[in-house]
């Protein structure tokens, strides 16, 4: 099977690069120079109409959206490597839930914070930023309560779910999310970020 990752360092494609390394999957990487506008070239838009990274091709067939790629990698490779729960188990349901929570529930509020603090000047708003921070705090409290009773997202062992959730939370720290106010989340995030797969050139 031929797998190619189209990516740019320090972008939303970085967690996919880390997941491929964590899983030990042979693959080729093609850098999409976002600053040069490579993502808007017709040949790239042909495989990712969004004009963003990441894109993964599997035997030439393209897949885009980071969450979709993560879930495919988990199902296709993670189960046999002990990094994704077996289909039909309660843990598999939790895996889908928490990965979606990170990208959709938490990610939506994080986007609101980004717009209110770093977006177009006409859209910046201290009031909206404060509201977003309150929303993130509520979600972080929820995650902190879960991690208070288990070392990793699904229980006793590390999984790709930890990588997925931690990738979103790690970015949120950069935007000012109060992750460090939640001791269980902070300790867990430190552990995930210390893994060798997370130290690759991203």
N, C-alpha and C. Protein backbone atom coordinates (compact mmCIF):
# COMPACT_ATOMS: atom_id res chain seq x y z
N UNK A 1 0.85 -1.20 0.00
CA UNK A 1 0.00 0.00 0.00
C UNK A 1 0.88 1.25 0.00
N UNK A 2 0.60 2.15 -0.91
CA UNK A 2 1.37 3.39 -1.01
C UNK A 2 0.63 4.52 -0.31
N UNK A 3 1.28 5.11 0.69
CA UNK A 3 0.66 6.21 1.44
C UNK A 3 1.53 7.45 1.30
N UNK A 4 0.90 8.55 0.93
CA UNK A 4 1.61 9.83 0.77
C UNK A 4 0.90 10.87 1.62
N UNK A 5 1.68 11.57 2.44
CA UNK A 5 1.15 12.66 3.26
C UNK A 5 1.58 13.99 2.65
N UNK A 6 0.61 14.80 2.31
CA UNK A 6 0.86 16.17 1.87
C UNK A 6 0.72 17.05 3.10
N UNK A 7 1.78 17.78 3.41
CA UNK A 7 1.82 18.46 4.70
C UNK A 7 2.63 19.74 4.63
N UNK A 8 2.61 20.47 5.73
CA UNK A 8 3.47 21.63 5.94
C UNK A 8 3.87 21.59 7.41
N UNK A 9 5.14 21.83 7.73
CA UNK A 9 5.58 21.79 9.14
C UNK A 9 4.80 22.78 10.01
N UNK A 10 4.57 22.39 11.24
CA UNK A 10 3.89 23.23 12.23
C UNK A 10 2.53 23.69 11.71
N UNK A 11 1.76 22.75 11.22
CA UNK A 11 0.43 23.05 10.71
C UNK A 11 -0.54 21.99 11.23
N UNK A 12 -1.78 22.05 10.76
CA UNK A 12 -2.75 21.04 11.16
C UNK A 12 -2.42 19.66 10.62
N UNK A 13 -1.42 19.60 9.74
CA UNK A 13 -0.96 18.29 9.24
C UNK A 13 0.03 17.64 10.20
N UNK A 14 0.57 18.40 11.13
CA UNK A 14 1.58 17.85 12.04
C UNK A 14 1.08 16.65 12.86
N UNK A 15 -0.14 16.70 13.42
CA UNK A 15 -0.61 15.53 14.16
C UNK A 15 -0.71 14.26 13.31
N UNK A 16 -1.00 14.41 12.01
CA UNK A 16 -1.04 13.25 11.13
C UNK A 16 0.36 12.69 10.95
N UNK A 17 1.35 13.57 10.79
CA UNK A 17 2.74 13.12 10.69
C UNK A 17 3.14 12.36 11.95
N UNK A 18 2.73 12.87 13.10
CA UNK A 18 3.04 12.20 14.37
C UNK A 18 2.34 10.84 14.46
N UNK A 19 1.10 10.78 14.02
CA UNK A 19 0.36 9.51 14.07
C UNK A 19 1.01 8.46 13.17
N UNK A 20 1.42 8.87 11.98
CA UNK A 20 2.09 7.93 11.07
C UNK A 20 3.38 7.40 11.69
N UNK A 21 4.11 8.28 12.37
CA UNK A 21 5.34 7.87 13.05
C UNK A 21 5.03 6.94 14.22
N UNK A 22 4.02 7.30 15.00
CA UNK A 22 3.61 6.48 16.15
C UNK A 22 3.23 5.08 15.71
N UNK A 23 2.56 4.98 14.58
CA UNK A 23 2.12 3.69 14.07
C UNK A 23 3.21 2.94 13.31
N UNK A 24 4.29 3.63 12.98
CA UNK A 24 5.36 3.00 12.23
C UNK A 24 4.98 2.66 10.80
N UNK A 25 4.20 3.51 10.16
CA UNK A 25 3.71 3.24 8.81
C UNK A 25 4.66 3.85 7.78
N UNK A 26 5.22 3.04 6.90
CA UNK A 26 6.04 3.60 5.81
C UNK A 26 5.19 4.52 4.94
N UNK A 27 5.73 5.67 4.63
CA UNK A 27 4.97 6.62 3.82
C UNK A 27 5.92 7.65 3.21
N UNK A 28 5.43 8.33 2.23
CA UNK A 28 6.17 9.42 1.60
C UNK A 28 5.56 10.73 2.07
N UNK A 29 6.39 11.74 2.21
CA UNK A 29 5.89 13.07 2.57
C UNK A 29 6.18 14.06 1.45
N UNK A 30 5.15 14.82 1.11
CA UNK A 30 5.29 15.87 0.12
C UNK A 30 4.95 17.19 0.80
N UNK A 31 5.92 18.09 0.84
CA UNK A 31 5.69 19.37 1.49
C UNK A 31 4.87 20.28 0.59
N UNK A 32 3.82 20.82 1.15
CA UNK A 32 2.99 21.82 0.48
C UNK A 32 3.39 23.16 1.07
N UNK A 33 4.05 23.97 0.28
CA UNK A 33 4.53 25.26 0.78
C UNK A 33 3.37 26.25 0.83
N UNK A 34 2.80 26.40 2.02
CA UNK A 34 1.63 27.27 2.17
C UNK A 34 1.97 28.73 1.90
N UNK A 35 3.18 29.11 2.25
CA UNK A 35 3.59 30.51 2.04
C UNK A 35 3.72 30.84 0.55
N UNK A 36 4.09 29.84 -0.23
CA UNK A 36 4.24 30.04 -1.68
C UNK A 36 2.93 29.84 -2.43
N UNK A 37 1.89 29.40 -1.70
CA UNK A 37 0.59 29.21 -2.33
C UNK A 37 0.40 27.88 -3.02
N UNK A 38 1.23 26.90 -2.67
CA UNK A 38 1.11 25.58 -3.31
C UNK A 38 -0.28 24.97 -3.12
N UNK A 39 -0.93 25.31 -2.01
CA UNK A 39 -2.24 24.72 -1.70
C UNK A 39 -3.34 25.20 -2.65
N UNK A 40 -3.05 26.24 -3.41
CA UNK A 40 -4.05 26.77 -4.36
C UNK A 40 -3.77 26.36 -5.81
N UNK A 41 -2.73 25.57 -6.01
CA UNK A 41 -2.41 25.12 -7.36
C UNK A 41 -3.45 24.08 -7.83
N UNK A 42 -3.79 24.11 -9.10
CA UNK A 42 -4.83 23.19 -9.61
C UNK A 42 -4.55 21.72 -9.30
N UNK A 43 -3.29 21.32 -9.39
CA UNK A 43 -2.98 19.91 -9.16
C UNK A 43 -3.21 19.51 -7.70
N UNK A 44 -3.04 20.47 -6.78
CA UNK A 44 -3.32 20.16 -5.39
C UNK A 44 -4.83 20.21 -5.11
N UNK A 45 -5.50 21.21 -5.66
CA UNK A 45 -6.95 21.31 -5.47
C UNK A 45 -7.67 20.10 -6.04
N UNK A 46 -7.05 19.41 -6.97
CA UNK A 46 -7.66 18.21 -7.54
C UNK A 46 -7.76 17.08 -6.52
N UNK A 47 -6.87 17.09 -5.51
CA UNK A 47 -6.93 16.04 -4.48
C UNK A 47 -7.49 16.57 -3.16
N UNK A 48 -7.47 17.89 -2.98
CA UNK A 48 -8.06 18.49 -1.78
C UNK A 48 -8.71 19.80 -2.17
N UNK A 49 -10.00 19.78 -2.46
CA UNK A 49 -10.68 21.00 -2.93
C UNK A 49 -10.71 22.11 -1.90
N UNK A 50 -10.45 21.79 -0.62
CA UNK A 50 -10.38 22.82 0.42
C UNK A 50 -9.13 23.68 0.29
N UNK A 51 -8.12 23.15 -0.39
CA UNK A 51 -6.87 23.90 -0.51
C UNK A 51 -6.17 24.06 0.81
N UNK A 52 -6.18 22.99 1.62
CA UNK A 52 -5.53 23.02 2.92
C UNK A 52 -4.74 21.74 3.11
N UNK A 53 -3.94 21.70 4.18
CA UNK A 53 -3.30 20.46 4.60
C UNK A 53 -3.96 20.02 5.90
N UNK A 54 -3.96 18.71 6.18
CA UNK A 54 -3.30 17.63 5.46
C UNK A 54 -4.17 17.03 4.37
N UNK A 55 -3.49 16.34 3.47
CA UNK A 55 -4.12 15.41 2.53
C UNK A 55 -3.33 14.12 2.61
N UNK A 56 -4.04 13.00 2.60
CA UNK A 56 -3.40 11.69 2.57
C UNK A 56 -3.89 10.98 1.33
N UNK A 57 -2.98 10.41 0.55
CA UNK A 57 -3.42 9.56 -0.56
C UNK A 57 -3.05 8.11 -0.23
N UNK A 58 -3.99 7.24 -0.52
CA UNK A 58 -3.82 5.80 -0.28
C UNK A 58 -3.93 5.10 -1.62
N UNK A 59 -2.80 4.60 -2.11
CA UNK A 59 -2.75 4.03 -3.45
C UNK A 59 -3.33 5.02 -4.48
N UNK A 60 -3.02 6.29 -4.28
CA UNK A 60 -3.44 7.33 -5.20
C UNK A 60 -4.79 7.95 -4.91
N UNK A 61 -5.59 7.32 -4.05
CA UNK A 61 -6.92 7.85 -3.72
C UNK A 61 -6.79 8.85 -2.58
N UNK A 62 -7.29 10.09 -2.75
CA UNK A 62 -7.09 11.12 -1.74
C UNK A 62 -8.10 11.10 -0.60
N UNK A 63 -7.63 11.53 0.55
CA UNK A 63 -8.48 11.74 1.72
C UNK A 63 -8.04 13.04 2.37
N UNK A 64 -9.00 13.87 2.76
CA UNK A 64 -8.65 15.10 3.45
C UNK A 64 -9.49 15.23 4.72
N UNK A 65 -9.20 16.26 5.51
CA UNK A 65 -9.73 16.52 6.86
C UNK A 65 -8.99 15.66 7.88
N UNK A 66 -8.31 16.34 8.79
CA UNK A 66 -7.44 15.66 9.75
C UNK A 66 -8.18 14.62 10.58
N UNK A 67 -9.38 14.95 11.05
CA UNK A 67 -10.12 13.99 11.88
C UNK A 67 -10.43 12.72 11.11
N UNK A 68 -10.86 12.86 9.87
CA UNK A 68 -11.16 11.68 9.05
C UNK A 68 -9.91 10.81 8.88
N UNK A 69 -8.77 11.46 8.65
CA UNK A 69 -7.52 10.71 8.47
C UNK A 69 -7.14 9.99 9.74
N UNK A 70 -7.25 10.68 10.88
CA UNK A 70 -6.95 10.04 12.17
C UNK A 70 -7.81 8.80 12.38
N UNK A 71 -9.10 8.92 12.14
CA UNK A 71 -10.01 7.79 12.38
C UNK A 71 -9.69 6.64 11.43
N UNK A 72 -9.37 6.95 10.18
CA UNK A 72 -9.00 5.89 9.24
C UNK A 72 -7.73 5.18 9.68
N UNK A 73 -6.73 5.96 10.10
CA UNK A 73 -5.48 5.35 10.55
C UNK A 73 -5.72 4.46 11.77
N UNK A 74 -6.57 4.94 12.68
CA UNK A 74 -6.87 4.14 13.86
C UNK A 74 -7.50 2.81 13.51
N UNK A 75 -8.51 2.85 12.65
CA UNK A 75 -9.20 1.62 12.27
C UNK A 75 -8.33 0.71 11.41
N UNK A 76 -7.57 1.31 10.50
CA UNK A 76 -6.81 0.50 9.54
C UNK A 76 -5.54 -0.09 10.15
N UNK A 77 -4.85 0.69 10.98
CA UNK A 77 -3.55 0.25 11.51
C UNK A 77 -3.49 0.19 13.04
N UNK A 78 -4.27 1.02 13.70
CA UNK A 78 -4.14 1.16 15.14
C UNK A 78 -4.53 -0.06 15.94
N UNK A 79 -5.56 -0.78 15.48
CA UNK A 79 -6.04 -1.94 16.24
C UNK A 79 -4.95 -3.00 16.33
N UNK A 80 -4.33 -3.33 15.20
CA UNK A 80 -3.31 -4.39 15.19
C UNK A 80 -2.06 -3.97 15.95
N UNK A 81 -1.84 -2.68 16.12
CA UNK A 81 -0.66 -2.21 16.85
C UNK A 81 -0.97 -1.86 18.30
N UNK A 82 -2.19 -2.13 18.72
CA UNK A 82 -2.57 -1.88 20.11
C UNK A 82 -2.75 -0.42 20.45
N UNK A 83 -2.98 0.42 19.42
CA UNK A 83 -3.13 1.86 19.64
C UNK A 83 -4.53 2.37 19.33
N UNK A 84 -5.45 1.44 19.05
CA UNK A 84 -6.85 1.80 18.79
C UNK A 84 -7.71 0.63 19.23
N UNK A 85 -8.85 0.90 19.87
CA UNK A 85 -9.68 -0.20 20.37
C UNK A 85 -10.36 -0.99 19.26
N UNK A 86 -10.64 -2.24 19.55
CA UNK A 86 -11.32 -3.11 18.61
C UNK A 86 -12.74 -2.64 18.36
N UNK A 87 -13.17 -2.71 17.12
CA UNK A 87 -14.54 -2.30 16.76
C UNK A 87 -15.56 -3.08 17.58
N UNK A 88 -16.62 -2.39 17.96
CA UNK A 88 -17.70 -3.04 18.70
C UNK A 88 -17.53 -3.04 20.20
N UNK A 89 -16.40 -2.52 20.68
CA UNK A 89 -16.18 -2.47 22.13
C UNK A 89 -16.61 -1.11 22.68
N UNK A 90 -16.88 -1.05 23.99
CA UNK A 90 -17.20 0.26 24.58
C UNK A 90 -16.08 1.28 24.37
N UNK A 91 -14.84 0.80 24.38
CA UNK A 91 -13.70 1.70 24.19
C UNK A 91 -13.71 2.31 22.78
N UNK A 92 -14.16 1.53 21.80
CA UNK A 92 -14.23 2.06 20.43
C UNK A 92 -15.23 3.20 20.33
N UNK A 93 -16.33 3.08 21.05
CA UNK A 93 -17.31 4.16 21.06
C UNK A 93 -16.73 5.41 21.72
N UNK A 94 -15.98 5.20 22.80
CA UNK A 94 -15.35 6.33 23.48
C UNK A 94 -14.29 6.99 22.59
N UNK A 95 -13.57 6.17 21.84
CA UNK A 95 -12.55 6.71 20.94
C UNK A 95 -13.16 7.67 19.92
N UNK A 96 -14.24 7.24 19.29
CA UNK A 96 -14.92 8.10 18.32
C UNK A 96 -15.45 9.36 18.98
N UNK A 97 -16.01 9.19 20.17
CA UNK A 97 -16.60 10.33 20.88
C UNK A 97 -15.57 11.38 21.24
N UNK A 98 -14.45 10.96 21.82
CA UNK A 98 -13.46 11.93 22.30
C UNK A 98 -12.67 12.57 21.15
N UNK A 99 -12.42 11.82 20.10
CA UNK A 99 -11.74 12.44 18.95
C UNK A 99 -12.62 13.52 18.33
N UNK A 100 -13.92 13.22 18.21
CA UNK A 100 -14.85 14.20 17.66
C UNK A 100 -15.01 15.37 18.62
N UNK A 101 -15.06 15.09 19.91
CA UNK A 101 -15.13 16.16 20.93
C UNK A 101 -13.99 17.14 20.75
N UNK A 102 -12.78 16.61 20.55
CA UNK A 102 -11.61 17.49 20.43
C UNK A 102 -11.70 18.38 19.20
N UNK A 103 -12.00 17.79 18.05
CA UNK A 103 -12.00 18.55 16.81
C UNK A 103 -13.26 19.40 16.62
N UNK A 104 -14.39 18.93 17.12
CA UNK A 104 -15.66 19.63 16.87
C UNK A 104 -16.09 20.47 18.07
N UNK A 105 -16.32 19.85 19.21
CA UNK A 105 -16.82 20.58 20.37
C UNK A 105 -15.80 21.58 20.89
N UNK A 106 -14.62 21.07 21.24
CA UNK A 106 -13.56 21.95 21.74
C UNK A 106 -13.05 22.85 20.61
N UNK A 107 -12.90 22.29 19.42
CA UNK A 107 -12.37 23.04 18.30
C UNK A 107 -13.23 24.22 17.89
N UNK A 108 -14.55 24.08 18.01
CA UNK A 108 -15.45 25.19 17.66
C UNK A 108 -15.24 26.38 18.58
N UNK A 109 -15.14 26.11 19.87
CA UNK A 109 -14.92 27.21 20.83
C UNK A 109 -13.53 27.79 20.64
N UNK A 110 -12.57 26.94 20.32
CA UNK A 110 -11.21 27.41 20.08
C UNK A 110 -11.18 28.35 18.87
N UNK A 111 -11.94 28.03 17.84
CA UNK A 111 -12.02 28.89 16.66
C UNK A 111 -12.60 30.25 17.04
N UNK A 112 -13.58 30.25 17.94
CA UNK A 112 -14.16 31.51 18.40
C UNK A 112 -13.11 32.36 19.10
N UNK A 113 -12.26 31.71 19.89
CA UNK A 113 -11.18 32.43 20.57
C UNK A 113 -10.20 33.00 19.56
N UNK A 114 -9.88 32.22 18.55
CA UNK A 114 -8.94 32.67 17.52
C UNK A 114 -9.47 33.90 16.79
N UNK A 115 -10.74 33.85 16.40
CA UNK A 115 -11.34 34.99 15.69
C UNK A 115 -11.37 36.22 16.58
N UNK A 116 -11.69 36.04 17.86
CA UNK A 116 -11.82 37.17 18.78
C UNK A 116 -10.50 37.79 19.18
N UNK A 117 -9.41 37.05 19.01
CA UNK A 117 -8.11 37.56 19.46
C UNK A 117 -7.10 37.75 18.34
N UNK A 118 -7.19 36.95 17.28
CA UNK A 118 -6.17 37.00 16.24
C UNK A 118 -6.72 37.10 14.83
N UNK A 119 -8.05 37.14 14.70
CA UNK A 119 -8.65 37.22 13.38
C UNK A 119 -8.63 38.63 12.82
N UNK A 120 -9.47 38.86 11.84
CA UNK A 120 -9.61 40.19 11.24
C UNK A 120 -9.89 41.21 12.34
N UNK A 121 -9.24 42.35 12.26
CA UNK A 121 -9.37 43.35 13.33
C UNK A 121 -10.82 43.74 13.58
N UNK A 122 -11.63 43.77 12.54
CA UNK A 122 -13.03 44.15 12.70
C UNK A 122 -13.81 43.13 13.52
N UNK A 123 -13.30 41.90 13.62
CA UNK A 123 -13.99 40.84 14.36
C UNK A 123 -13.42 40.60 15.75
N UNK A 124 -12.33 41.25 16.08
CA UNK A 124 -11.73 41.05 17.40
C UNK A 124 -12.60 41.68 18.48
N UNK A 125 -12.69 40.97 19.59
CA UNK A 125 -13.58 41.44 20.66
C UNK A 125 -13.16 40.87 22.00
N UNK A 126 -12.80 41.71 22.97
CA UNK A 126 -12.48 41.21 24.31
C UNK A 126 -13.65 40.46 24.94
N UNK A 127 -14.88 40.90 24.66
CA UNK A 127 -16.05 40.23 25.24
C UNK A 127 -16.21 38.83 24.67
N UNK A 128 -16.04 38.71 23.35
CA UNK A 128 -16.15 37.39 22.73
C UNK A 128 -14.99 36.48 23.14
N UNK A 129 -13.82 37.07 23.31
CA UNK A 129 -12.66 36.29 23.76
C UNK A 129 -12.90 35.75 25.17
N UNK A 130 -13.44 36.58 26.04
CA UNK A 130 -13.73 36.15 27.41
C UNK A 130 -14.77 35.04 27.43
N UNK A 131 -15.78 35.16 26.57
CA UNK A 131 -16.82 34.13 26.49
C UNK A 131 -16.22 32.81 26.00
N UNK A 132 -15.34 32.90 25.01
CA UNK A 132 -14.69 31.69 24.50
C UNK A 132 -13.83 31.04 25.57
N UNK A 133 -13.11 31.83 26.32
CA UNK A 133 -12.26 31.29 27.39
C UNK A 133 -13.10 30.61 28.46
N UNK A 134 -14.26 31.17 28.75
CA UNK A 134 -15.16 30.51 29.72
C UNK A 134 -15.63 29.17 29.17
N UNK A 135 -15.96 29.16 27.87
CA UNK A 135 -16.39 27.91 27.26
C UNK A 135 -15.30 26.86 27.28
N UNK A 136 -14.07 27.26 26.98
CA UNK A 136 -12.95 26.32 27.02
C UNK A 136 -12.70 25.83 28.43
N UNK A 137 -12.86 26.69 29.41
CA UNK A 137 -12.66 26.29 30.81
C UNK A 137 -13.65 25.20 31.20
N UNK A 138 -14.90 25.36 30.77
CA UNK A 138 -15.91 24.35 31.09
C UNK A 138 -15.54 23.00 30.46
N UNK A 139 -15.06 23.03 29.23
CA UNK A 139 -14.68 21.80 28.56
C UNK A 139 -13.43 21.18 29.17
N UNK A 140 -12.48 22.03 29.57
CA UNK A 140 -11.26 21.52 30.21
C UNK A 140 -11.57 20.89 31.57
N UNK A 141 -12.54 21.45 32.28
CA UNK A 141 -12.95 20.86 33.56
C UNK A 141 -13.53 19.47 33.36
N UNK A 142 -14.27 19.32 32.28
CA UNK A 142 -14.85 18.01 31.94
C UNK A 142 -13.74 17.00 31.66
N UNK A 143 -12.77 17.42 30.87
CA UNK A 143 -11.65 16.52 30.55
C UNK A 143 -10.81 16.23 31.78
N UNK A 144 -10.60 17.24 32.62
CA UNK A 144 -9.82 17.05 33.83
C UNK A 144 -10.45 16.00 34.74
N UNK A 145 -11.78 16.02 34.82
CA UNK A 145 -12.48 15.04 35.66
C UNK A 145 -12.28 13.63 35.11
N UNK A 146 -12.27 13.50 33.79
CA UNK A 146 -12.05 12.17 33.21
C UNK A 146 -10.64 11.68 33.51
N UNK A 147 -9.66 12.55 33.32
CA UNK A 147 -8.27 12.15 33.51
C UNK A 147 -7.89 12.00 34.98
N UNK A 148 -8.74 12.45 35.86
CA UNK A 148 -8.49 12.25 37.30
C UNK A 148 -8.64 10.78 37.68
N UNK A 149 -9.38 10.02 36.86
CA UNK A 149 -9.65 8.62 37.21
C UNK A 149 -8.92 7.62 36.32
N UNK A 150 -8.07 8.12 35.41
CA UNK A 150 -7.35 7.21 34.52
C UNK A 150 -6.13 7.95 33.96
N UNK A 151 -5.04 7.25 33.68
CA UNK A 151 -3.83 7.92 33.19
C UNK A 151 -3.92 8.36 31.74
N UNK A 152 -4.74 7.66 30.94
CA UNK A 152 -4.85 7.97 29.51
C UNK A 152 -6.33 8.08 29.14
N UNK A 153 -6.60 8.59 27.96
CA UNK A 153 -7.98 8.88 27.58
C UNK A 153 -8.90 7.67 27.67
N UNK A 154 -8.40 6.49 27.27
CA UNK A 154 -9.25 5.30 27.26
C UNK A 154 -9.02 4.38 28.45
N UNK A 155 -8.11 4.75 29.34
CA UNK A 155 -7.88 3.90 30.51
C UNK A 155 -6.42 3.76 30.86
N UNK A 156 -5.96 2.51 30.95
CA UNK A 156 -4.61 2.25 31.46
C UNK A 156 -3.51 2.46 30.43
N UNK A 157 -3.87 2.44 29.14
CA UNK A 157 -2.84 2.47 28.10
C UNK A 157 -3.00 3.66 27.16
N UNK A 158 -1.87 4.14 26.68
CA UNK A 158 -1.84 5.20 25.67
C UNK A 158 -2.46 4.69 24.37
N UNK A 159 -3.14 5.58 23.67
CA UNK A 159 -3.71 5.24 22.37
C UNK A 159 -3.64 6.47 21.46
N UNK A 160 -4.03 6.27 20.21
CA UNK A 160 -4.07 7.40 19.28
C UNK A 160 -5.09 8.45 19.71
N UNK A 161 -6.05 8.06 20.52
CA UNK A 161 -7.00 9.05 21.03
C UNK A 161 -6.27 10.12 21.84
N UNK A 162 -5.27 9.70 22.61
CA UNK A 162 -4.48 10.67 23.36
C UNK A 162 -3.76 11.63 22.43
N UNK A 163 -3.20 11.11 21.35
CA UNK A 163 -2.51 11.96 20.38
C UNK A 163 -3.47 12.95 19.75
N UNK A 164 -4.64 12.48 19.36
CA UNK A 164 -5.61 13.35 18.69
C UNK A 164 -6.06 14.47 19.61
N UNK A 165 -6.50 14.12 20.81
CA UNK A 165 -7.01 15.13 21.74
C UNK A 165 -5.90 16.08 22.16
N UNK A 166 -4.73 15.53 22.44
CA UNK A 166 -3.61 16.35 22.88
C UNK A 166 -3.15 17.32 21.80
N UNK A 167 -3.25 16.92 20.55
CA UNK A 167 -2.85 17.81 19.46
C UNK A 167 -3.70 19.07 19.43
N UNK A 168 -5.00 18.91 19.62
CA UNK A 168 -5.88 20.07 19.64
C UNK A 168 -5.64 20.91 20.88
N UNK A 169 -5.49 20.26 22.02
CA UNK A 169 -5.26 21.01 23.26
C UNK A 169 -3.91 21.72 23.25
N UNK A 170 -2.91 21.07 22.68
CA UNK A 170 -1.60 21.71 22.60
C UNK A 170 -1.65 23.00 21.81
N UNK A 171 -2.39 22.99 20.71
CA UNK A 171 -2.55 24.21 19.92
C UNK A 171 -3.33 25.26 20.69
N UNK A 172 -4.29 24.81 21.48
CA UNK A 172 -5.10 25.76 22.24
C UNK A 172 -4.29 26.50 23.29
N UNK A 173 -3.24 25.87 23.81
CA UNK A 173 -2.36 26.54 24.77
C UNK A 173 -1.72 27.76 24.11
N UNK A 174 -1.30 27.58 22.85
CA UNK A 174 -0.69 28.66 22.09
C UNK A 174 -1.65 29.85 21.95
N UNK A 175 -2.95 29.56 21.85
CA UNK A 175 -3.94 30.63 21.68
C UNK A 175 -4.39 31.22 23.01
N UNK A 176 -3.91 30.65 24.13
CA UNK A 176 -4.25 31.21 25.43
C UNK A 176 -5.27 30.45 26.24
N UNK A 177 -5.63 29.24 25.80
CA UNK A 177 -6.57 28.43 26.58
C UNK A 177 -5.95 28.09 27.93
N UNK A 178 -6.75 28.11 29.00
CA UNK A 178 -6.23 27.91 30.35
C UNK A 178 -5.96 26.46 30.72
N UNK A 179 -5.26 25.75 29.86
CA UNK A 179 -4.99 24.32 30.08
C UNK A 179 -4.22 24.10 31.38
N UNK A 180 -3.29 24.99 31.68
CA UNK A 180 -2.45 24.80 32.86
C UNK A 180 -3.20 24.96 34.18
N UNK A 181 -4.43 25.43 34.11
CA UNK A 181 -5.25 25.55 35.33
C UNK A 181 -5.85 24.21 35.75
N UNK A 182 -5.69 23.20 34.92
CA UNK A 182 -6.30 21.89 35.18
C UNK A 182 -5.19 20.85 35.33
N UNK A 183 -4.86 20.49 36.57
CA UNK A 183 -3.65 19.69 36.83
C UNK A 183 -3.60 18.34 36.13
N UNK A 184 -4.72 17.65 36.06
CA UNK A 184 -4.72 16.34 35.41
C UNK A 184 -4.52 16.49 33.90
N UNK A 185 -5.14 17.49 33.32
CA UNK A 185 -4.96 17.75 31.89
C UNK A 185 -3.52 18.16 31.61
N UNK A 186 -3.00 19.03 32.43
CA UNK A 186 -1.63 19.52 32.24
C UNK A 186 -0.62 18.38 32.30
N UNK A 187 -0.74 17.50 33.31
CA UNK A 187 0.19 16.39 33.46
C UNK A 187 0.08 15.41 32.30
N UNK A 188 -1.16 15.12 31.91
CA UNK A 188 -1.38 14.21 30.77
C UNK A 188 -0.82 14.78 29.48
N UNK A 189 -1.06 16.06 29.22
CA UNK A 189 -0.57 16.70 28.00
C UNK A 189 0.95 16.67 27.95
N UNK A 190 1.59 16.88 29.08
CA UNK A 190 3.05 16.82 29.15
C UNK A 190 3.55 15.44 28.77
N UNK A 191 2.87 14.41 29.23
CA UNK A 191 3.26 13.03 28.91
C UNK A 191 3.10 12.73 27.43
N UNK A 192 1.99 13.16 26.86
CA UNK A 192 1.77 12.90 25.43
C UNK A 192 2.82 13.62 24.59
N UNK A 193 3.08 14.87 24.91
CA UNK A 193 4.02 15.67 24.12
C UNK A 193 5.46 15.19 24.27
N UNK A 194 5.74 14.39 25.30
CA UNK A 194 7.09 13.87 25.51
C UNK A 194 7.36 12.59 24.72
N UNK A 195 6.34 12.03 24.11
CA UNK A 195 6.54 10.79 23.37
C UNK A 195 7.45 11.02 22.17
N UNK A 196 8.31 10.04 21.83
CA UNK A 196 9.25 10.22 20.71
C UNK A 196 8.58 10.62 19.39
N UNK A 197 7.39 10.08 19.12
CA UNK A 197 6.71 10.40 17.86
C UNK A 197 6.34 11.87 17.76
N UNK A 198 6.21 12.51 18.92
CA UNK A 198 5.84 13.93 18.93
C UNK A 198 7.05 14.84 18.76
N UNK A 199 8.23 14.25 18.75
CA UNK A 199 9.45 15.06 18.66
C UNK A 199 9.98 15.18 17.23
N UNK A 200 9.27 14.57 16.29
CA UNK A 200 9.72 14.62 14.91
C UNK A 200 9.60 16.04 14.37
N UNK A 201 10.25 16.28 13.25
CA UNK A 201 10.09 17.58 12.61
C UNK A 201 8.65 17.73 12.16
N UNK A 202 7.98 18.71 12.75
CA UNK A 202 6.55 18.84 12.47
C UNK A 202 6.24 20.10 11.68
